[in-house]
C-alpha cells in the first residue's frame, strides 16, 4: 500500500504495476480491508493477448541481449527468426563460482562478508535477490557489516536514478531485485574500472534463465571489466518446481537449473494455451476469420 492506495508489485522484478488492478472484486476487497478509498471496478469491454496484438503490426522486429533462450517461441508465435549479433568490444566479464548453502541464514551471512571484502578492495558491489523480502532481510543483516549501502526495490524506487548513479562508485554496495535488470547501465568511475569493475553477487536463480543473464549483463558492459558469482540455498523457492524426493536428491546447482527449466517450460505452455484460447474465441465471434 502506498499513499492509501493498493498497488500491485511484479513478483519478478519488484516494480510497481501502477496501471493494473485485480479483477472480480478482489481490488475492492483489499481496499476495504486496508481502509482505503474504494475504486470502481474495471469493466472489460474487449481483450486481446499480447501475442495477437503484436502480430497486427505491419513490420515486427526487436533487439534484446537474451533472445537465445526463447528463439523457438519467437518463431512459433511471430514467425520471426533469431539472429545473433557479435559484440563490438571484447567481453571482459569474469565468471566466478556458484556457492551452495543449506539455508538462507548462512547464505546471507556469507554474502554480507563477501560484499564487505570486495568493498574494502575498492570494488563497487551489486547484490541481486529474487524478491523484495530477500532484499530487505539482507539489508538488515548487511547493516551490521557496512554502515551505508543502498537498496533498490519496489518500496525504495522513488530515487532509482540516484541509486543506479551511485552503484558504480568505488567501494559502493547496492542491494537490488531484478528491478535493475535489462536496460540498466551502471556507469563506473575511474577508480572502480582500475580495480576490476563492478562485482555482482547473485543471490539465487530466477524463474527464467533470461533474467539471470540480464543481471549478469549489469557488469562488464561496453568493454569494461567486471565479475559475477552466485549464492544459492536449499531454501530457494525455485526448488518448489520439483516434486517429492527429486527436490532433495543430487547437487543443488543441478536441481535448481532443472527446476528453472521446468518452470520456463510451464510458463511457455501457459502462454501457448492462452494464445490458442484467444484464437478460438476470435473465430467463434468473428465474421471473417482470423485478422492476422
Protein backbone atom coordinates (compact mmCIF):
# COMPACT_ATOMS: atom_id res chain seq x y z
CA UNK A 1 0.00 0.00 0.00
CA UNK A 2 1.28 3.49 -0.92
CA UNK A 3 -0.44 6.85 -0.41
CA UNK A 4 -3.52 4.93 0.82
CA UNK A 5 -3.74 3.06 -2.48
CA UNK A 6 -3.43 -0.66 -3.09
CA UNK A 7 -0.70 -1.24 -5.67
CA UNK A 8 0.33 -4.47 -7.38
CA UNK A 9 4.03 -5.36 -7.37
CA UNK A 10 5.57 -7.52 -10.08
CA UNK A 11 6.93 -10.54 -8.22
CA UNK A 12 9.76 -10.98 -10.73
CA UNK A 13 11.34 -7.54 -10.89
CA UNK A 14 9.84 -5.79 -7.86
CA UNK A 15 8.40 -2.89 -9.86
CA UNK A 16 5.04 -1.32 -9.03
CA UNK A 17 2.43 -2.03 -11.74
CA UNK A 18 0.69 1.30 -11.36
CA UNK A 19 -1.71 0.78 -14.26
CA UNK A 20 -3.03 -2.63 -13.19
CA UNK A 21 -5.73 -3.68 -10.73
CA UNK A 22 -7.16 -7.00 -9.64
CA UNK A 23 -10.48 -8.06 -11.14
CA UNK A 24 -13.70 -9.68 -9.87
CA UNK A 25 -13.89 -7.52 -6.75
CA UNK A 26 -10.53 -8.54 -5.29
CA UNK A 27 -9.15 -4.99 -5.59
CA UNK A 28 -12.16 -3.52 -3.76
CA UNK A 29 -11.99 -6.23 -1.07
CA UNK A 30 -8.37 -5.39 -0.28
CA UNK A 31 -9.18 -1.68 -0.25
CA UNK A 32 -11.90 -2.27 2.35
CA UNK A 33 -9.61 -4.46 4.47
CA UNK A 34 -6.82 -1.85 4.38
CA UNK A 35 -9.11 1.12 5.00
CA UNK A 36 -8.53 2.72 1.58
CA UNK A 37 -10.99 4.61 -0.55
CA UNK A 38 -12.82 2.17 -2.79
CA UNK A 39 -12.18 2.47 -6.52
CA UNK A 40 -14.81 1.48 -9.10
CA UNK A 41 -14.30 -2.00 -10.58
CA UNK A 42 -12.86 -2.35 -14.06
CA UNK A 43 -15.26 -3.21 -16.84
CA UNK A 44 -13.76 -5.36 -19.60
CA UNK A 45 -15.20 -4.37 -22.96
CA UNK A 46 -12.71 -6.25 -25.14
CA UNK A 47 -9.49 -8.12 -24.64
CA UNK A 48 -6.61 -9.49 -26.69
CA UNK A 49 -3.37 -11.29 -25.85
CA UNK A 50 -0.06 -9.51 -26.28
CA UNK A 51 0.91 -12.10 -28.88
CA UNK A 52 -2.05 -11.30 -31.14
CA UNK A 53 -1.67 -7.58 -30.53
CA UNK A 54 1.94 -7.55 -31.71
CA UNK A 55 1.13 -9.67 -34.77
CA UNK A 56 -1.10 -6.85 -36.05
CA UNK A 57 1.89 -4.64 -36.78
CA UNK A 58 2.87 -4.49 -40.46
CA UNK A 59 6.54 -4.72 -39.51
CA UNK A 60 7.69 -6.61 -36.44
CA UNK A 61 11.24 -6.86 -35.14
CA UNK A 62 13.13 -6.42 -31.92
CA UNK A 63 16.53 -6.48 -30.26
CA UNK A 64 17.50 -7.98 -26.91
CA UNK A 65 20.56 -9.47 -25.31
CA UNK A 66 18.64 -12.53 -24.11
CA UNK A 67 16.63 -13.83 -27.09
CA UNK A 68 18.53 -17.09 -27.42
CA UNK A 69 16.51 -18.88 -24.73
CA UNK A 70 13.18 -18.09 -26.41
CA UNK A 71 14.09 -18.20 -30.11
CA UNK A 72 11.81 -21.24 -30.68
CA UNK A 73 8.84 -19.45 -29.12
CA UNK A 74 9.57 -16.29 -31.12
CA UNK A 75 9.41 -18.31 -34.33
CA UNK A 76 6.29 -20.27 -33.38
CA UNK A 77 4.40 -17.18 -32.18
CA UNK A 78 5.54 -14.43 -34.52
CA UNK A 79 7.26 -16.23 -37.40
CA UNK A 80 10.42 -14.24 -36.79
CA UNK A 81 13.90 -15.85 -36.93
CA UNK A 82 16.66 -15.35 -34.39
CA UNK A 83 19.94 -13.74 -35.47
CA UNK A 84 22.92 -13.41 -33.13
CA UNK A 85 24.97 -10.21 -33.46
CA UNK A 86 28.52 -10.40 -32.03
CA UNK A 87 29.56 -7.67 -29.57
CA UNK A 88 31.67 -4.84 -30.94
CA UNK A 89 34.02 -4.95 -27.95
CA UNK A 90 35.74 -7.84 -26.20
CA UNK A 91 33.86 -9.26 -23.21
CA UNK A 92 35.99 -8.87 -20.06
CA UNK A 93 33.50 -10.42 -17.63
CA UNK A 94 34.96 -12.82 -15.08
CA UNK A 95 32.56 -15.59 -14.01
CA UNK A 96 33.13 -16.92 -10.51
CA UNK A 97 31.82 -19.95 -8.65
CA UNK A 98 28.35 -20.99 -7.57
CA UNK A 99 28.35 -21.22 -3.76
CA UNK A 100 25.86 -23.61 -2.13
CA UNK A 101 24.26 -23.09 1.30
CA UNK A 102 21.96 -25.21 3.45
CA UNK A 103 19.75 -22.28 4.45
CA UNK A 104 19.18 -18.59 3.81
CA UNK A 105 20.73 -17.53 7.10
CA UNK A 106 24.16 -18.91 6.23
CA UNK A 107 23.88 -17.55 2.70
CA UNK A 108 23.06 -14.00 3.81
CA UNK A 109 25.95 -14.03 6.27
CA UNK A 110 28.38 -15.15 3.54
CA UNK A 111 27.01 -12.55 1.09
CA UNK A 112 27.47 -9.79 3.68
CA UNK A 113 31.05 -10.84 4.41
CA UNK A 114 31.87 -11.13 0.70
CA UNK A 115 30.36 -7.72 -0.03
CA UNK A 116 32.41 -6.17 2.79
CA UNK A 117 35.60 -7.75 1.47
CA UNK A 118 35.05 -6.57 -2.13
CA UNK A 119 34.03 -3.10 -0.95
CA UNK A 120 37.21 -2.75 1.09
CA UNK A 121 39.17 -3.63 -2.05
CA UNK A 122 37.50 -0.62 -3.70
CA UNK A 123 35.23 -2.62 -5.98
CA UNK A 124 31.60 -1.48 -6.35
CA UNK A 125 29.31 -4.37 -5.36
CA UNK A 126 25.82 -5.14 -6.68
CA UNK A 127 23.87 -7.79 -4.76
CA UNK A 128 20.78 -9.13 -6.53
CA UNK A 129 17.95 -11.00 -4.81
CA UNK A 130 14.99 -12.89 -6.23
CA UNK A 131 12.30 -10.91 -4.38
CA UNK A 132 11.68 -7.82 -2.26
CA UNK A 133 11.57 -9.68 1.07
CA UNK A 134 15.02 -11.18 0.50
CA UNK A 135 16.47 -7.76 -0.35
CA UNK A 136 15.15 -6.26 2.89
CA UNK A 137 16.19 -9.23 5.02
CA UNK A 138 19.70 -8.99 3.60
CA UNK A 139 19.78 -5.21 4.11
CA UNK A 140 19.09 -5.62 7.83
CA UNK A 141 21.98 -8.07 8.19
CA UNK A 142 24.30 -6.03 5.99
CA UNK A 143 23.83 -3.01 8.26
CA UNK A 144 25.98 -4.83 10.86
CA UNK A 145 28.84 -5.12 8.35
CA UNK A 146 28.60 -1.98 6.20
CA UNK A 147 27.38 1.30 7.70
CA UNK A 148 25.94 2.61 4.43
CA UNK A 149 24.50 0.76 1.46
CA UNK A 150 21.67 1.37 -0.98
CA UNK A 151 18.56 -0.75 -1.50
CA UNK A 152 16.55 -0.62 -4.70
CA UNK A 153 13.21 -2.42 -4.86
CA UNK A 154 9.51 -1.58 -5.17
CA UNK A 155 9.48 0.13 -1.75
CA UNK A 156 12.53 2.28 -2.47
CA UNK A 157 12.05 3.12 -6.15
CA UNK A 158 11.42 6.86 -5.87
CA UNK A 159 15.16 7.66 -6.16
CA UNK A 160 16.03 4.86 -8.59
CA UNK A 161 18.17 7.05 -10.85
CA UNK A 162 20.24 8.30 -7.91
CA UNK A 163 20.82 4.76 -6.59
CA UNK A 164 21.89 3.47 -10.01
CA UNK A 165 24.12 6.52 -10.42
CA UNK A 166 25.98 5.68 -7.18
CA UNK A 167 26.16 1.93 -7.81
CA UNK A 168 29.29 2.24 -9.95
CA UNK A 169 31.30 4.27 -7.45
CA UNK A 170 34.39 2.62 -5.99
CA UNK A 171 33.53 0.83 -2.71
CA UNK A 172 29.75 1.24 -3.00
CA UNK A 173 27.37 -1.58 -2.10
CA UNK A 174 23.87 -1.81 -3.59
CA UNK A 175 21.15 -4.41 -3.00
CA UNK A 176 18.61 -4.76 -5.80
CA UNK A 177 15.87 -7.03 -7.06
CA UNK A 178 15.68 -7.66 -10.81
CA UNK A 179 14.30 -4.12 -10.99
CA UNK A 180 17.89 -3.38 -12.03
CA UNK A 181 17.76 -5.88 -14.86
CA UNK A 182 17.63 -5.28 -18.59
CA UNK A 183 18.40 -1.81 -19.83
CA UNK A 184 20.10 -0.64 -16.64
CA UNK A 185 23.55 0.78 -17.41
CA UNK A 186 25.72 1.21 -14.32
CA UNK A 187 28.47 3.69 -15.06
CA UNK A 188 31.82 3.07 -13.35
CA UNK A 189 34.13 5.75 -12.03
CA UNK A 190 37.82 5.60 -12.95
CA UNK A 191 38.86 4.04 -9.64
CA UNK A 192 36.31 1.24 -10.00
CA UNK A 193 37.49 0.46 -13.53
CA UNK A 194 41.12 0.29 -12.40
CA UNK A 195 40.27 -2.12 -9.56
CA UNK A 196 38.33 -4.65 -11.66
CA UNK A 197 34.95 -3.06 -12.25
CA UNK A 198 31.53 -3.92 -10.83
CA UNK A 199 31.26 -7.17 -8.86
CA UNK A 200 27.86 -8.88 -8.78
CA UNK A 201 26.74 -11.34 -6.12
CA UNK A 202 23.61 -13.03 -7.46
CA UNK A 203 21.67 -14.50 -4.52
CA UNK A 204 19.53 -17.12 -6.22
CA UNK A 205 18.28 -18.08 -9.66
CA UNK A 206 15.12 -16.53 -11.08
CA UNK A 207 12.14 -18.18 -12.82
CA UNK A 208 13.84 -17.79 -16.19
CA UNK A 209 17.47 -18.01 -17.27
CA UNK A 210 16.91 -14.86 -19.33
CA UNK A 211 16.52 -12.83 -16.12
CA UNK A 212 19.74 -14.28 -14.71
CA UNK A 213 21.58 -13.33 -17.91
CA UNK A 214 20.13 -9.82 -17.74
CA UNK A 215 21.53 -9.49 -14.23
CA UNK A 216 24.86 -10.88 -15.38
CA UNK A 217 24.88 -8.18 -18.04
CA UNK A 218 24.91 -5.38 -15.45
CA UNK A 219 28.68 -5.84 -15.12
CA UNK A 220 31.45 -5.72 -17.75
CA UNK A 221 29.45 -3.56 -20.15
CA UNK A 222 30.89 -1.85 -23.22
CA UNK A 223 34.33 -3.38 -22.74
CA UNK A 224 34.57 -2.53 -19.02
CA UNK A 225 35.91 -5.10 -16.53
CA UNK A 226 33.55 -6.87 -14.14
CA UNK A 227 32.79 -10.12 -12.37
CA UNK A 228 29.90 -12.18 -11.05
CA UNK A 229 29.39 -15.07 -8.62
CA UNK A 230 26.29 -16.85 -7.35
CA UNK A 231 24.98 -17.86 -3.92
CA UNK A 232 22.14 -20.41 -3.89
CA UNK A 233 20.32 -22.05 -1.00
CA UNK A 234 18.37 -25.20 -0.25
CA UNK A 235 15.53 -22.88 0.83
CA UNK A 236 15.19 -21.16 -2.56
CA UNK A 237 11.59 -21.28 -3.77
CA UNK A 238 12.64 -22.28 -7.30
CA UNK A 239 13.03 -25.81 -5.90
CA UNK A 240 9.27 -25.97 -5.32
CA UNK A 241 9.01 -26.74 -9.03
CA UNK A 242 10.48 -30.19 -8.28
CA UNK A 243 8.12 -32.72 -6.77
CA UNK A 244 8.75 -35.23 -3.99
CA UNK A 245 12.20 -36.61 -3.37
CA UNK A 246 13.59 -35.01 -6.54
CA UNK A 247 13.68 -31.74 -4.59
CA UNK A 248 16.42 -33.13 -2.31
CA UNK A 249 18.44 -35.56 -4.46
CA UNK A 250 21.54 -34.51 -6.36
CA UNK A 251 23.71 -31.42 -6.44
CA UNK A 252 21.94 -28.21 -5.51
CA UNK A 253 23.05 -26.35 -8.65
CA UNK A 254 21.79 -29.10 -10.97
CA UNK A 255 18.47 -29.32 -9.13
CA UNK A 256 17.93 -25.57 -9.29
CA UNK A 257 18.73 -25.37 -13.01
CA UNK A 258 16.40 -28.31 -13.68
CA UNK A 259 13.65 -26.59 -11.69
CA UNK A 260 14.27 -23.40 -13.66
CA UNK A 261 13.93 -25.23 -16.99
CA UNK A 262 10.70 -26.88 -15.83
CA UNK A 263 9.27 -23.52 -14.78
CA UNK A 264 10.26 -21.92 -18.09
CA UNK A 265 8.55 -24.78 -19.94
CA UNK A 266 5.41 -24.47 -17.83
CA UNK A 267 5.20 -20.72 -18.40
CA UNK A 268 5.70 -21.17 -22.16
CA UNK A 269 2.89 -23.74 -22.23
CA UNK A 270 0.62 -21.34 -20.35
CA UNK A 271 1.32 -18.60 -22.89
CA UNK A 272 0.63 -21.01 -25.76
CA UNK A 273 -2.68 -22.13 -24.21
CA UNK A 274 -3.75 -18.52 -23.71
CA UNK A 275 -2.96 -17.72 -27.35
CA UNK A 276 -4.89 -20.77 -28.61
CA UNK A 277 -7.88 -19.80 -26.49
CA UNK A 278 -7.71 -16.27 -27.90
CA UNK A 279 -7.68 -17.63 -31.46
CA UNK A 280 -10.68 -19.86 -30.80
CA UNK A 281 -12.63 -17.03 -29.19
CA UNK A 282 -11.89 -14.79 -32.16
CA UNK A 283 -13.01 -17.43 -34.66
CA UNK A 284 -16.28 -18.07 -32.81
CA UNK A 285 -17.16 -14.38 -32.52
CA UNK A 286 -15.74 -13.12 -35.81
CA UNK A 287 -17.42 -12.98 -39.21
CA UNK A 288 -14.38 -13.07 -41.45
CA UNK A 289 -11.93 -15.45 -39.75
CA UNK A 290 -8.51 -14.52 -38.43
CA UNK A 291 -7.28 -10.97 -38.87
CA UNK A 292 -3.54 -11.76 -38.57
